[in-house]
Amino acid sequence: MLVDGHDGGEPRPAVVVQAELFNETHATITLCPLTRSVGGEALFRVAISPQEHTGLPVECEVQVDRIISVPRHRCVKLLGHASATRMEQVDQALRRWLAL
């Protein structure tokens, strides 16, 4: 998902982490932003590559430690899809970060 930057910032890629049930009906979308700075904290950062049909131009990391909810209108473009395996890794990292 490409998310419009607030305060005039550049649009940034992010991974949607809320339940699909609410994606079309809720006023906000819960996301984890991506960063091009790879090699971060392995316990709460998940590597994701352009070879996975993600629509990303370069390798990135999902920043589970920066989870945010944004108004739906800020989600401007679907880039691609992460694999089920990669999303399971994101889910595990979210559980660690949020102590669930």
N, C-alpha and C. Protein backbone atom coordinates (compact mmCIF):
# COMPACT_ATOMS: atom_id res chain seq x y z
N MET A 1 0.85 -1.16 0.00
CA MET A 1 0.00 0.00 0.00
C MET A 1 0.90 1.23 0.00
N LEU A 2 0.58 2.18 -0.83
CA LEU A 2 1.29 3.46 -0.82
C LEU A 2 0.44 4.44 -0.04
N VAL A 3 1.05 5.06 0.97
CA VAL A 3 0.33 5.96 1.87
C VAL A 3 0.84 7.38 1.66
N ASP A 4 -0.10 8.29 1.43
CA ASP A 4 0.23 9.70 1.24
C ASP A 4 0.85 10.25 2.52
N GLY A 5 1.98 10.91 2.38
CA GLY A 5 2.66 11.47 3.54
C GLY A 5 1.88 12.64 4.12
N HIS A 6 1.88 12.76 5.44
CA HIS A 6 1.21 13.89 6.07
C HIS A 6 2.15 15.09 6.07
N ASP A 7 1.62 16.25 6.21
CA ASP A 7 2.41 17.49 6.22
C ASP A 7 3.23 17.66 4.95
N GLY A 8 2.70 17.20 3.82
CA GLY A 8 3.38 17.39 2.55
C GLY A 8 4.51 16.43 2.27
N GLY A 9 4.67 15.41 3.10
CA GLY A 9 5.74 14.44 2.90
C GLY A 9 5.48 13.55 1.69
N GLU A 10 6.52 12.89 1.24
CA GLU A 10 6.42 11.97 0.11
C GLU A 10 5.57 10.75 0.49
N PRO A 11 4.83 10.19 -0.48
CA PRO A 11 4.11 8.94 -0.21
C PRO A 11 5.10 7.84 0.17
N ARG A 12 4.70 6.98 1.11
CA ARG A 12 5.56 5.91 1.60
C ARG A 12 4.86 4.57 1.50
N PRO A 13 5.61 3.51 1.23
CA PRO A 13 5.00 2.18 1.21
C PRO A 13 4.76 1.68 2.64
N ALA A 14 3.73 0.85 2.78
CA ALA A 14 3.38 0.29 4.09
C ALA A 14 2.67 -1.04 3.87
N VAL A 15 2.63 -1.84 4.92
CA VAL A 15 1.91 -3.12 4.90
C VAL A 15 0.67 -2.96 5.77
N VAL A 16 -0.49 -3.36 5.22
CA VAL A 16 -1.74 -3.33 5.98
C VAL A 16 -1.71 -4.49 6.95
N VAL A 17 -1.98 -4.21 8.24
CA VAL A 17 -1.91 -5.25 9.26
C VAL A 17 -3.23 -5.46 10.00
N GLN A 18 -4.27 -4.76 9.64
CA GLN A 18 -5.55 -4.98 10.31
C GLN A 18 -6.30 -6.12 9.62
N ALA A 19 -7.29 -6.66 10.29
CA ALA A 19 -8.09 -7.76 9.76
C ALA A 19 -8.80 -7.32 8.48
N GLU A 20 -8.78 -8.19 7.46
CA GLU A 20 -9.42 -7.88 6.18
C GLU A 20 -10.89 -7.51 6.35
N LEU A 21 -11.55 -8.07 7.33
CA LEU A 21 -12.96 -7.80 7.59
C LEU A 21 -13.25 -6.31 7.68
N PHE A 22 -12.28 -5.53 8.16
CA PHE A 22 -12.50 -4.10 8.39
C PHE A 22 -11.92 -3.19 7.30
N ASN A 23 -11.21 -3.76 6.34
CA ASN A 23 -10.53 -2.94 5.33
C ASN A 23 -11.47 -2.06 4.52
N GLU A 24 -12.64 -2.53 4.20
CA GLU A 24 -13.57 -1.77 3.36
C GLU A 24 -14.55 -0.93 4.16
N THR A 25 -14.68 -1.18 5.45
CA THR A 25 -15.75 -0.53 6.21
C THR A 25 -15.29 0.46 7.27
N HIS A 26 -14.09 0.33 7.75
CA HIS A 26 -13.63 1.18 8.84
C HIS A 26 -13.05 2.48 8.30
N ALA A 27 -13.13 3.55 9.08
CA ALA A 27 -12.66 4.87 8.64
C ALA A 27 -11.14 4.97 8.56
N THR A 28 -10.44 4.08 9.25
CA THR A 28 -8.98 4.11 9.22
C THR A 28 -8.43 2.75 8.80
N ILE A 29 -7.18 2.76 8.37
CA ILE A 29 -6.46 1.54 8.00
C ILE A 29 -5.22 1.47 8.89
N THR A 30 -4.99 0.31 9.51
CA THR A 30 -3.83 0.13 10.38
C THR A 30 -2.69 -0.47 9.56
N LEU A 31 -1.52 0.19 9.64
CA LEU A 31 -0.38 -0.14 8.79
C LEU A 31 0.91 -0.22 9.58
N CYS A 32 1.88 -0.88 8.97
CA CYS A 32 3.26 -0.79 9.42
C CYS A 32 4.04 -0.21 8.25
N PRO A 33 4.69 0.93 8.44
CA PRO A 33 5.45 1.53 7.35
C PRO A 33 6.68 0.69 7.00
N LEU A 34 7.19 0.90 5.79
CA LEU A 34 8.40 0.23 5.34
C LEU A 34 9.56 1.21 5.33
N THR A 35 10.76 0.67 5.48
CA THR A 35 11.97 1.48 5.39
C THR A 35 12.95 0.81 4.45
N ARG A 36 13.73 1.62 3.75
CA ARG A 36 14.80 1.09 2.89
C ARG A 36 16.05 0.79 3.71
N SER A 37 16.11 1.25 4.93
CA SER A 37 17.25 0.98 5.81
C SER A 37 17.10 -0.42 6.39
N VAL A 38 17.77 -1.38 5.78
CA VAL A 38 17.64 -2.77 6.22
C VAL A 38 18.74 -3.12 7.21
N GLY A 39 18.52 -4.20 7.95
CA GLY A 39 19.49 -4.62 8.96
C GLY A 39 19.14 -4.12 10.34
N GLY A 40 17.88 -3.79 10.54
CA GLY A 40 17.43 -3.28 11.83
C GLY A 40 17.25 -4.38 12.85
N GLU A 41 16.41 -4.12 13.80
CA GLU A 41 16.16 -5.06 14.89
C GLU A 41 15.36 -6.26 14.39
N ALA A 42 15.97 -7.43 14.40
CA ALA A 42 15.35 -8.63 13.86
C ALA A 42 14.10 -9.06 14.61
N LEU A 43 13.98 -8.71 15.87
CA LEU A 43 12.81 -9.13 16.64
C LEU A 43 11.53 -8.41 16.22
N PHE A 44 11.65 -7.21 15.67
CA PHE A 44 10.45 -6.49 15.27
C PHE A 44 10.58 -5.78 13.93
N ARG A 45 11.49 -6.24 13.09
CA ARG A 45 11.60 -5.78 11.70
C ARG A 45 11.59 -7.02 10.81
N VAL A 46 10.84 -6.97 9.72
CA VAL A 46 10.72 -8.11 8.81
C VAL A 46 11.16 -7.68 7.42
N ALA A 47 12.16 -8.37 6.87
CA ALA A 47 12.65 -8.06 5.52
C ALA A 47 11.61 -8.47 4.48
N ILE A 48 11.49 -7.65 3.45
CA ILE A 48 10.55 -7.92 2.36
C ILE A 48 11.22 -7.46 1.07
N SER A 49 11.17 -8.31 0.04
CA SER A 49 11.94 -8.01 -1.17
C SER A 49 11.04 -7.76 -2.38
N PRO A 50 11.58 -7.09 -3.40
CA PRO A 50 10.80 -6.82 -4.60
C PRO A 50 10.48 -8.09 -5.38
N GLN A 51 11.23 -9.16 -5.19
CA GLN A 51 10.98 -10.41 -5.91
C GLN A 51 9.71 -11.13 -5.44
N GLU A 52 9.08 -10.65 -4.41
CA GLU A 52 7.91 -11.32 -3.83
C GLU A 52 6.58 -10.76 -4.35
N HIS A 53 6.56 -10.13 -5.51
CA HIS A 53 5.34 -9.54 -6.07
C HIS A 53 4.77 -8.45 -5.17
N THR A 54 5.66 -7.72 -4.53
CA THR A 54 5.25 -6.69 -3.59
C THR A 54 5.06 -5.33 -4.25
N GLY A 55 5.61 -5.16 -5.45
CA GLY A 55 5.56 -3.85 -6.09
C GLY A 55 6.64 -2.91 -5.60
N LEU A 56 7.54 -3.40 -4.78
CA LEU A 56 8.62 -2.56 -4.23
C LEU A 56 9.80 -2.53 -5.21
N PRO A 57 10.46 -1.38 -5.34
CA PRO A 57 11.62 -1.31 -6.23
C PRO A 57 12.90 -1.86 -5.61
N VAL A 58 12.98 -1.88 -4.28
CA VAL A 58 14.18 -2.34 -3.57
C VAL A 58 13.77 -3.12 -2.33
N GLU A 59 14.74 -3.81 -1.74
CA GLU A 59 14.47 -4.52 -0.48
C GLU A 59 14.17 -3.52 0.62
N CYS A 60 13.20 -3.87 1.45
CA CYS A 60 12.78 -3.00 2.55
C CYS A 60 12.58 -3.84 3.81
N GLU A 61 12.31 -3.16 4.91
CA GLU A 61 11.92 -3.83 6.14
C GLU A 61 10.59 -3.27 6.62
N VAL A 62 9.73 -4.16 7.09
CA VAL A 62 8.47 -3.76 7.71
C VAL A 62 8.80 -3.28 9.11
N GLN A 63 8.39 -2.06 9.43
CA GLN A 63 8.69 -1.46 10.74
C GLN A 63 7.52 -1.73 11.69
N VAL A 64 7.53 -2.92 12.27
CA VAL A 64 6.46 -3.30 13.20
C VAL A 64 6.43 -2.38 14.41
N ASP A 65 7.57 -1.82 14.76
CA ASP A 65 7.65 -0.92 15.92
C ASP A 65 7.10 0.48 15.63
N ARG A 66 6.59 0.71 14.41
CA ARG A 66 6.03 2.02 14.06
C ARG A 66 4.60 1.90 13.55
N ILE A 67 3.84 0.95 14.09
CA ILE A 67 2.46 0.71 13.68
C ILE A 67 1.63 2.00 13.82
N ILE A 68 0.82 2.27 12.78
CA ILE A 68 -0.01 3.48 12.77
C ILE A 68 -1.36 3.18 12.15
N SER A 69 -2.34 4.00 12.46
CA SER A 69 -3.64 3.96 11.78
C SER A 69 -3.81 5.30 11.09
N VAL A 70 -4.20 5.25 9.82
CA VAL A 70 -4.35 6.48 9.03
C VAL A 70 -5.74 6.51 8.41
N PRO A 71 -6.27 7.70 8.13
CA PRO A 71 -7.56 7.79 7.43
C PRO A 71 -7.48 7.09 6.07
N ARG A 72 -8.56 6.45 5.69
CA ARG A 72 -8.61 5.69 4.43
C ARG A 72 -8.15 6.51 3.23
N HIS A 73 -8.50 7.81 3.20
CA HIS A 73 -8.17 8.62 2.02
C HIS A 73 -6.66 8.80 1.84
N ARG A 74 -5.86 8.53 2.86
CA ARG A 74 -4.40 8.62 2.73
C ARG A 74 -3.78 7.39 2.08
N CYS A 75 -4.55 6.32 1.95
CA CYS A 75 -4.07 5.11 1.27
C CYS A 75 -4.36 5.29 -0.21
N VAL A 76 -3.33 5.63 -0.98
CA VAL A 76 -3.55 6.10 -2.35
C VAL A 76 -3.37 5.05 -3.43
N LYS A 77 -2.64 3.96 -3.16
CA LYS A 77 -2.39 2.99 -4.23
C LYS A 77 -1.98 1.64 -3.65
N LEU A 78 -2.55 0.58 -4.21
CA LEU A 78 -2.12 -0.77 -3.86
C LEU A 78 -0.89 -1.11 -4.69
N LEU A 79 0.20 -1.46 -4.03
CA LEU A 79 1.44 -1.76 -4.75
C LEU A 79 1.57 -3.22 -5.14
N GLY A 80 1.19 -4.12 -4.25
CA GLY A 80 1.36 -5.54 -4.49
C GLY A 80 0.91 -6.31 -3.26
N HIS A 81 1.39 -7.54 -3.16
CA HIS A 81 0.98 -8.40 -2.05
C HIS A 81 2.20 -9.10 -1.46
N ALA A 82 2.24 -9.18 -0.16
CA ALA A 82 3.26 -9.97 0.53
C ALA A 82 2.78 -11.41 0.61
N SER A 83 3.70 -12.34 0.62
CA SER A 83 3.34 -13.76 0.70
C SER A 83 2.74 -14.08 2.06
N ALA A 84 2.02 -15.20 2.12
CA ALA A 84 1.43 -15.64 3.39
C ALA A 84 2.53 -15.89 4.42
N THR A 85 3.65 -16.44 3.98
CA THR A 85 4.78 -16.69 4.89
C THR A 85 5.32 -15.39 5.45
N ARG A 86 5.48 -14.38 4.59
CA ARG A 86 6.00 -13.09 5.04
C ARG A 86 5.01 -12.43 6.02
N MET A 87 3.71 -12.52 5.73
CA MET A 87 2.71 -11.92 6.62
C MET A 87 2.67 -12.65 7.96
N GLU A 88 2.94 -13.95 7.97
CA GLU A 88 3.03 -14.69 9.24
C GLU A 88 4.21 -14.16 10.06
N GLN A 89 5.31 -13.84 9.40
CA GLN A 89 6.46 -13.26 10.10
C GLN A 89 6.11 -11.89 10.67
N VAL A 90 5.36 -11.10 9.91
CA VAL A 90 4.91 -9.79 10.40
C VAL A 90 3.99 -9.99 11.60
N ASP A 91 3.09 -10.97 11.51
CA ASP A 91 2.17 -11.26 12.61
C ASP A 91 2.95 -11.65 13.88
N GLN A 92 3.95 -12.49 13.73
CA GLN A 92 4.76 -12.89 14.89
C GLN A 92 5.50 -11.69 15.48
N ALA A 93 6.03 -10.84 14.62
CA ALA A 93 6.74 -9.65 15.10
C ALA A 93 5.78 -8.71 15.83
N LEU A 94 4.55 -8.57 15.32
CA LEU A 94 3.54 -7.74 15.99
C LEU A 94 3.21 -8.30 17.37
N ARG A 95 3.09 -9.61 17.46
CA ARG A 95 2.81 -10.23 18.77
C ARG A 95 3.92 -9.95 19.76
N ARG A 96 5.17 -10.03 19.30
CA ARG A 96 6.30 -9.71 20.19
C ARG A 96 6.26 -8.24 20.60
N TRP A 97 6.08 -7.35 19.63
CA TRP A 97 6.12 -5.91 19.90
C TRP A 97 5.00 -5.49 20.85
N LEU A 98 3.81 -6.06 20.65
CA LEU A 98 2.64 -5.67 21.44
C LEU A 98 2.40 -6.58 22.65
N ALA A 99 3.26 -7.56 22.85
CA ALA A 99 3.15 -8.50 23.97
C ALA A 99 1.79 -9.19 23.98
N LEU A 100 1.38 -9.70 22.82
CA LEU A 100 0.09 -10.40 22.70
C LEU A 100 0.27 -11.90 22.82
